[in-house]
Structure formats: C-alpha cells, structure tokens
C-alpha cells in the first residue's frame, strides 16, 4: 500500500462521518418543522388518544381471533 492509498482511506472515513452527521441534522430539522422541544398539551392529548386507540385495536383483533377459532 502506498501513502496515497492510505490517505484516501482515512479521508473517506472522515468524509463519511461528516456527511452522515449533516444528513442526520437535516432529517432532525425536517422532523421538527419549527416545533419547540417540549410537547404542547394538545400534542400530549393526541398522543394519549392514539395510544388508547392502538390498545383498543389490539384488543379487538385478539377477540376476533378467539371468535374465529370456535
């Protein structure tokens, strides 16, 4: 291996880390879309309702499986 090959290898490693960090930062910014870090009361209520709906849907599917077994 010559010095040029080693330098290229090291540069690729650093560039990959830098690019990944930039991509992750961009994705995080797009996911927030201007929201503050703390969730509002409306968001908390919506999340709670979503969890409740999910729980009920799972319960219904379990009941449907039991009924179809008979």
PDB file of N, CA and C in Angstrom:
ATOM      1  N   UNK A   1       0.836  -1.184   0.000  1.00  0.00           N
ATOM      2  CA  UNK A   1       0.000   0.000   0.000  1.00  0.00           C
ATOM      3  C   UNK A   1       0.874   1.237   0.000  1.00  0.00           C
ATOM      4  N   UNK A   2       0.535   2.159  -0.824  1.00  0.00           N
ATOM      5  CA  UNK A   2       1.322   3.379  -0.833  1.00  0.00           C
ATOM      6  C   UNK A   2       0.632   4.459   0.018  1.00  0.00           C
ATOM      7  N   UNK A   3       1.317   5.562   0.195  1.00  0.00           N
ATOM      8  CA  UNK A   3       0.822   6.633   1.063  1.00  0.00           C
ATOM      9  C   UNK A   3      -0.470   7.237   0.509  1.00  0.00           C
ATOM     10  N   UNK A   4      -0.558   7.335  -0.792  1.00  0.00           N
ATOM     11  CA  UNK A   4      -1.764   7.905  -1.395  1.00  0.00           C
ATOM     12  C   UNK A   4      -2.997   7.062  -1.064  1.00  0.00           C
ATOM     13  N   UNK A   5      -2.864   5.753  -1.114  1.00  0.00           N
ATOM     14  CA  UNK A   5      -3.959   4.849  -0.806  1.00  0.00           C
ATOM     15  C   UNK A   5      -4.387   5.002   0.653  1.00  0.00           C
ATOM     16  N   UNK A   6      -3.430   5.081   1.573  1.00  0.00           N
ATOM     17  CA  UNK A   6      -3.741   5.244   2.997  1.00  0.00           C
ATOM     18  C   UNK A   6      -4.444   6.575   3.266  1.00  0.00           C
ATOM     19  N   UNK A   7      -3.964   7.639   2.629  1.00  0.00           N
ATOM     20  CA  UNK A   7      -4.582   8.957   2.817  1.00  0.00           C
ATOM     21  C   UNK A   7      -6.018   8.939   2.297  1.00  0.00           C
ATOM     22  N   UNK A   8      -6.216   8.323   1.148  1.00  0.00           N
ATOM     23  CA  UNK A   8      -7.576   8.229   0.602  1.00  0.00           C
ATOM     24  C   UNK A   8      -8.503   7.446   1.531  1.00  0.00           C
ATOM     25  N   UNK A   9      -8.002   6.367   2.120  1.00  0.00           N
ATOM     26  CA  UNK A   9      -8.804   5.568   3.029  1.00  0.00           C
ATOM     27  C   UNK A   9      -9.238   6.394   4.243  1.00  0.00           C
ATOM     28  N   UNK A  10      -8.288   7.114   4.829  1.00  0.00           N
ATOM     29  CA  UNK A  10      -8.582   7.928   6.007  1.00  0.00           C
ATOM     30  C   UNK A  10      -9.546   9.058   5.646  1.00  0.00           C
ATOM     31  N   UNK A  11      -9.340   9.673   4.516  1.00  0.00           N
ATOM     32  CA  UNK A  11     -10.226  10.766   4.089  1.00  0.00           C
ATOM     33  C   UNK A  11     -11.651  10.271   3.849  1.00  0.00           C
ATOM     34  N   UNK A  12     -11.789   9.071   3.289  1.00  0.00           N
ATOM     35  CA  UNK A  12     -13.133   8.513   3.079  1.00  0.00           C
ATOM     36  C   UNK A  12     -13.839   8.289   4.402  1.00  0.00           C
ATOM     37  N   UNK A  13     -13.104   7.802   5.395  1.00  0.00           N
ATOM     38  CA  UNK A  13     -13.704   7.568   6.719  1.00  0.00           C
ATOM     39  C   UNK A  13     -14.210   8.881   7.304  1.00  0.00           C
ATOM     40  N   UNK A  14     -13.383   9.912   7.285  1.00  0.00           N
ATOM     41  CA  UNK A  14     -13.790  11.199   7.850  1.00  0.00           C
ATOM     42  C   UNK A  14     -14.926  11.829   7.055  1.00  0.00           C
ATOM     43  N   UNK A  15     -14.859  11.756   5.744  1.00  0.00           N
ATOM     44  CA  UNK A  15     -15.924  12.345   4.931  1.00  0.00           C
ATOM     45  C   UNK A  15     -17.258  11.636   5.160  1.00  0.00           C
ATOM     46  N   UNK A  16     -17.220  10.318   5.303  1.00  0.00           N
ATOM     47  CA  UNK A  16     -18.445   9.562   5.569  1.00  0.00           C
ATOM     48  C   UNK A  16     -19.073  10.012   6.882  1.00  0.00           C
ATOM     49  N   UNK A  17     -18.230  10.200   7.920  1.00  0.00           N
ATOM     50  CA  UNK A  17     -18.750  10.650   9.211  1.00  0.00           C
ATOM     51  C   UNK A  17     -19.336  12.048   9.121  1.00  0.00           C
ATOM     52  N   UNK A  18     -18.667  12.934   8.413  1.00  0.00           N
ATOM     53  CA  UNK A  18     -19.144  14.313   8.278  1.00  0.00           C
ATOM     54  C   UNK A  18     -20.456  14.352   7.500  1.00  0.00           C
ATOM     55  N   UNK A  19     -20.528  13.620   6.408  1.00  0.00           N
ATOM     56  CA  UNK A  19     -21.743  13.619   5.596  1.00  0.00           C
ATOM     57  C   UNK A  19     -22.908  13.008   6.373  1.00  0.00           C
ATOM     58  N   UNK A  20     -22.668  11.908   7.080  1.00  0.00           N
ATOM     59  CA  UNK A  20     -23.733  11.285   7.875  1.00  0.00           C
ATOM     60  C   UNK A  20     -24.233  12.223   8.958  1.00  0.00           C
ATOM     61  N   UNK A  21     -23.331  12.941   9.595  1.00  0.00           N
ATOM     62  CA  UNK A  21     -23.734  13.894  10.634  1.00  0.00           C
ATOM     63  C   UNK A  21     -24.602  14.999  10.038  1.00  0.00           C
ATOM     64  N   UNK A  22     -24.233  15.484   8.859  1.00  0.00           N
ATOM     65  CA  UNK A  22     -25.022  16.508   8.184  1.00  0.00           C
ATOM     66  C   UNK A  22     -26.397  16.004   7.759  1.00  0.00           C
ATOM     67  N   UNK A  23     -26.450  14.789   7.252  1.00  0.00           N
ATOM     68  CA  UNK A  23     -27.735  14.208   6.849  1.00  0.00           C
ATOM     69  C   UNK A  23     -28.632  14.031   8.067  1.00  0.00           C
ATOM     70  N   UNK A  24     -28.075  13.522   9.156  1.00  0.00           N
ATOM     71  CA  UNK A  24     -28.873  13.336  10.370  1.00  0.00           C
ATOM     72  C   UNK A  24     -29.394  14.666  10.899  1.00  0.00           C
ATOM     73  N   UNK A  25     -28.584  15.701  10.857  1.00  0.00           N
ATOM     74  CA  UNK A  25     -29.021  17.018  11.316  1.00  0.00           C
ATOM     75  C   UNK A  25     -30.153  17.540  10.445  1.00  0.00           C
ATOM     76  N   UNK A  26     -30.058  17.347   9.145  1.00  0.00           N
ATOM     77  CA  UNK A  26     -31.113  17.789   8.238  1.00  0.00           C
ATOM     78  C   UNK A  26     -32.416  17.037   8.463  1.00  0.00           C
ATOM     79  N   UNK A  27     -32.313  15.742   8.680  1.00  0.00           N
ATOM     80  CA  UNK A  27     -33.512  14.939   8.933  1.00  0.00           C
ATOM     81  C   UNK A  27     -34.154  15.356  10.247  1.00  0.00           C
ATOM     82  N   UNK A  28     -33.345  15.600  11.273  1.00  0.00           N
ATOM     83  CA  UNK A  28     -33.885  16.047  12.557  1.00  0.00           C
ATOM     84  C   UNK A  28     -34.587  17.383  12.420  1.00  0.00           C
ATOM     85  N   UNK A  29     -34.006  18.298  11.660  1.00  0.00           N
ATOM     86  CA  UNK A  29     -34.623  19.606  11.454  1.00  0.00           C
ATOM     87  C   UNK A  29     -35.941  19.469  10.708  1.00  0.00           C
ATOM     88  N   UNK A  30     -35.977  18.622   9.696  1.00  0.00           N
ATOM     89  CA  UNK A  30     -37.201  18.432   8.932  1.00  0.00           C
ATOM     90  C   UNK A  30     -38.279  17.767   9.783  1.00  0.00           C
ATOM     91  N   UNK A  31     -37.869  16.887  10.681  1.00  0.00           N
ATOM     92  CA  UNK A  31     -38.841  16.205  11.538  1.00  0.00           C
ATOM     93  C   UNK A  31     -39.458  17.165  12.541  1.00  0.00           C
ATOM     94  N   UNK A  32     -38.674  18.108  13.025  1.00  0.00           N
ATOM     95  CA  UNK A  32     -39.204  19.072  13.995  1.00  0.00           C
ATOM     96  C   UNK A  32     -40.111  20.087  13.328  1.00  0.00           C
ATOM     97  N   UNK A  33     -39.754  20.545  12.149  1.00  0.00           N
ATOM     98  CA  UNK A  33     -40.507  21.529  11.376  1.00  0.00           C
ATOM     99  C   UNK A  33     -40.907  22.742  12.214  1.00  0.00           C
ATOM    100  N   UNK A  34     -39.963  23.278  12.959  1.00  0.00           N
ATOM    101  CA  UNK A  34     -40.206  24.516  13.679  1.00  0.00           C
ATOM    102  C   UNK A  34     -40.837  24.344  15.045  1.00  0.00           C
ATOM    103  N   UNK A  35     -41.096  23.123  15.466  1.00  0.00           N
ATOM    104  CA  UNK A  35     -41.684  22.916  16.785  1.00  0.00           C
ATOM    105  C   UNK A  35     -40.624  23.072  17.852  1.00  0.00           C
ATOM    106  N   UNK A  36     -41.058  23.465  19.026  1.00  0.00           N
ATOM    107  CA  UNK A  36     -40.121  23.525  20.143  1.00  0.00           C
ATOM    108  C   UNK A  36     -39.912  22.125  20.688  1.00  0.00           C
ATOM    109  N   UNK A  37     -38.955  21.967  21.574  1.00  0.00           N
ATOM    110  CA  UNK A  37     -38.628  20.656  22.098  1.00  0.00           C
ATOM    111  C   UNK A  37     -39.707  20.069  22.984  1.00  0.00           C
ATOM    112  N   UNK A  38     -40.405  20.913  23.760  1.00  0.00           N
ATOM    113  CA  UNK A  38     -41.406  20.413  24.690  1.00  0.00           C
ATOM    114  C   UNK A  38     -42.753  20.239  23.983  1.00  0.00           C
ATOM    115  N   UNK A  39     -43.412  19.095  24.187  1.00  0.00           N
ATOM    116  CA  UNK A  39     -44.715  18.891  23.561  1.00  0.00           C
ATOM    117  C   UNK A  39     -45.791  19.745  24.234  1.00  0.00           C
ATOM    118  N   UNK A  40     -46.744  20.209  23.451  1.00  0.00           N
ATOM    119  CA  UNK A  40     -47.830  21.015  23.989  1.00  0.00           C
ATOM    120  C   UNK A  40     -48.902  20.099  24.574  1.00  0.00           C
ATOM    121  N   UNK A  41     -49.870  20.710  25.242  1.00  0.00           N
ATOM    122  CA  UNK A  41     -50.959  19.928  25.833  1.00  0.00           C
ATOM    123  C   UNK A  41     -51.769  19.216  24.745  1.00  0.00           C
ATOM    124  N   UNK A  42     -51.972  19.887  23.615  1.00  0.00           N
ATOM    125  CA  UNK A  42     -52.730  19.270  22.521  1.00  0.00           C
ATOM    126  C   UNK A  42     -51.985  18.051  21.972  1.00  0.00           C
ATOM    127  N   UNK A  43     -50.668  18.162  21.839  1.00  0.00           N
ATOM    128  CA  UNK A  43     -49.878  17.027  21.346  1.00  0.00           C
ATOM    129  C   UNK A  43     -49.915  15.874  22.335  1.00  0.00           C
ATOM    130  N   UNK A  44     -49.843  16.190  23.632  1.00  0.00           N
ATOM    131  CA  UNK A  44     -49.923  15.140  24.650  1.00  0.00           C
ATOM    132  C   UNK A  44     -51.267  14.427  24.586  1.00  0.00           C
ATOM    133  N   UNK A  45     -52.354  15.215  24.431  1.00  0.00           N
ATOM    134  CA  UNK A  45     -53.684  14.629  24.356  1.00  0.00           C
ATOM    135  C   UNK A  45     -53.824  13.764  23.109  1.00  0.00           C
ATOM    136  N   UNK A  46     -53.276  14.231  21.993  1.00  0.00           N
ATOM    137  CA  UNK A  46     -53.354  13.469  20.750  1.00  0.00           C
ATOM    138  C   UNK A  46     -52.571  12.159  20.869  1.00  0.00           C
ATOM    139  N   UNK A  47     -51.399  12.213  21.497  1.00  0.00           N
ATOM    140  CA  UNK A  47     -50.595  11.005  21.671  1.00  0.00           C
ATOM    141  C   UNK A  47     -51.309  10.015  22.586  1.00  0.00           C
ATOM    142  N   UNK A  48     -51.933  10.533  23.622  1.00  0.00           N
ATOM    143  CA  UNK A  48     -52.675   9.674  24.544  1.00  0.00           C
ATOM    144  C   UNK A  48     -53.846   9.011  23.837  1.00  0.00           C
ATOM    145  N   UNK A  49     -54.567   9.767  23.019  1.00  0.00           N
ATOM    146  CA  UNK A  49     -55.687   9.204  22.264  1.00  0.00           C
ATOM    147  C   UNK A  49     -55.198   8.149  21.280  1.00  0.00           C
ATOM    148  N   UNK A  50     -54.063   8.386  20.672  1.00  0.00           N
ATOM    149  CA  UNK A  50     -53.513   7.414  19.719  1.00  0.00           C
ATOM    150  C   UNK A  50     -53.135   6.120  20.428  1.00  0.00           C
ATOM    151  N   UNK A  51     -52.537   6.231  21.618  1.00  0.00           N
ATOM    152  CA  UNK A  51     -52.195   5.024  22.378  1.00  0.00           C
ATOM    153  C   UNK A  51     -53.451   4.251  22.769  1.00  0.00           C
ATOM    154  N   UNK A  52     -54.492   4.980  23.177  1.00  0.00           N
ATOM    155  CA  UNK A  52     -55.744   4.338  23.570  1.00  0.00           C
ATOM    156  C   UNK A  52     -56.371   3.624  22.378  1.00  0.00           C
ATOM    157  N   UNK A  53     -56.381   4.265  21.223  1.00  0.00           N
ATOM    158  CA  UNK A  53     -56.941   3.662  20.018  1.00  0.00           C
ATOM    159  C   UNK A  53     -56.158   2.416  19.615  1.00  0.00           C
ATOM    160  N   UNK A  54     -54.846   2.490  19.725  1.00  0.00           N
ATOM    161  CA  UNK A  54     -53.998   1.331  19.403  1.00  0.00           C
ATOM    162  C   UNK A  54     -54.299   0.176  20.336  1.00  0.00           C
ATOM    163  N   UNK A  55     -54.421   0.468  21.613  1.00  0.00           N
ATOM    164  CA  UNK A  55     -54.722  -0.563  22.609  1.00  0.00           C
ATOM    165  C   UNK A  55     -56.067  -1.220  22.301  1.00  0.00           C
ATOM    166  N   UNK A  56     -57.067  -0.408  21.952  1.00  0.00           N
ATOM    167  CA  UNK A  56     -58.384  -0.950  21.632  1.00  0.00           C
ATOM    168  C   UNK A  56     -58.342  -1.792  20.363  1.00  0.00           C
ATOM    169  N   UNK A  57     -57.582  -1.368  19.370  1.00  0.00           N
ATOM    170  CA  UNK A  57     -57.482  -2.130  18.124  1.00  0.00           C
ATOM    171  C   UNK A  57     -56.834  -3.486  18.373  1.00  0.00           C
ATOM    172  N   UNK A  58     -55.810  -3.521  19.202  1.00  0.00           N
ATOM    173  CA  UNK A  58     -55.178  -4.809  19.531  1.00  0.00           C
ATOM    174  C   UNK A  58     -56.153  -5.722  20.250  1.00  0.00           C
ATOM    175  N   UNK A  59     -56.932  -5.140  21.161  1.00  0.00           N
ATOM    176  CA  UNK A  59     -57.899  -5.928  21.908  1.00  0.00           C
ATOM    177  C   UNK A  59     -58.954  -6.504  20.973  1.00  0.00           C
ATOM    178  N   UNK A  60     -59.426  -5.717  20.028  1.00  0.00           N
ATOM    179  CA  UNK A  60     -60.426  -6.182  19.069  1.00  0.00           C
ATOM    180  C   UNK A  60     -59.860  -7.302  18.206  1.00  0.00           C
ATOM    181  N   UNK A  61     -58.607  -7.174  17.772  1.00  0.00           N
ATOM    182  CA  UNK A  61     -58.031  -8.236  16.937  1.00  0.00           C
ATOM    183  C   UNK A  61     -57.872  -9.529  17.734  1.00  0.00           C
ATOM    184  N   UNK A  62     -57.504  -9.414  19.013  1.00  0.00           N
ATOM    185  CA  UNK A  62     -57.405 -10.624  19.847  1.00  0.00           C
ATOM    186  C   UNK A  62     -58.768 -11.287  19.999  1.00  0.00           C
ATOM    187  N   UNK A  63     -59.806 -10.470  20.224  1.00  0.00           N
ATOM    188  CA  UNK A  63     -61.151 -11.019  20.363  1.00  0.00           C
ATOM    189  C   UNK A  63     -61.607 -11.668  19.067  1.00  0.00           C
ATOM    190  N   UNK A  64     -61.278 -11.034  17.930  1.00  0.00           N
ATOM    191  CA  UNK A  64     -61.674 -11.601  16.645  1.00  0.00           C
ATOM    192  C   UNK A  64     -60.995 -12.931  16.405  1.00  0.00           C
ATOM    193  N   UNK A  65     -59.745 -13.068  16.807  1.00  0.00           N
ATOM    194  CA  UNK A  65     -59.044 -14.349  16.659  1.00  0.00           C
ATOM    195  C   UNK A  65     -59.714 -15.428  17.493  1.00  0.00           C
ATOM    196  N   UNK A  66     -60.114 -15.069  18.721  1.00  0.00           N
ATOM    197  CA  UNK A  66     -60.771 -16.037  19.585  1.00  0.00           C
ATOM    198  C   UNK A  66     -62.099 -16.506  18.986  1.00  0.00           C
ATOM    199  N   UNK A  67     -62.854 -15.548  18.438  1.00  0.00           N
ATOM    200  CA  UNK A  67     -64.153 -15.868  17.874  1.00  0.00           C
ATOM    201  C   UNK A  67     -63.993 -16.759  16.646  1.00  0.00           C
ATOM    202  N   UNK A  68     -63.001 -16.477  15.819  1.00  0.00           N
ATOM    203  CA  UNK A  68     -62.837 -17.251  14.589  1.00  0.00           C
ATOM    204  C   UNK A  68     -62.302 -18.655  14.856  1.00  0.00           C
ATOM    205  N   UNK A  69     -61.706 -18.882  16.023  1.00  0.00           N
ATOM    206  CA  UNK A  69     -61.221 -20.223  16.348  1.00  0.00           C
ATOM    207  C   UNK A  69     -62.353 -21.198  16.618  1.00  0.00           C
ATOM    208  N   UNK A  70     -63.453 -20.672  17.129  1.00  0.00           N
ATOM    209  CA  UNK A  70     -64.557 -21.557  17.511  1.00  0.00           C
ATOM    210  C   UNK A  70     -65.262 -22.166  16.352  1.00  0.00           C
TER     211      UNK A  70
END
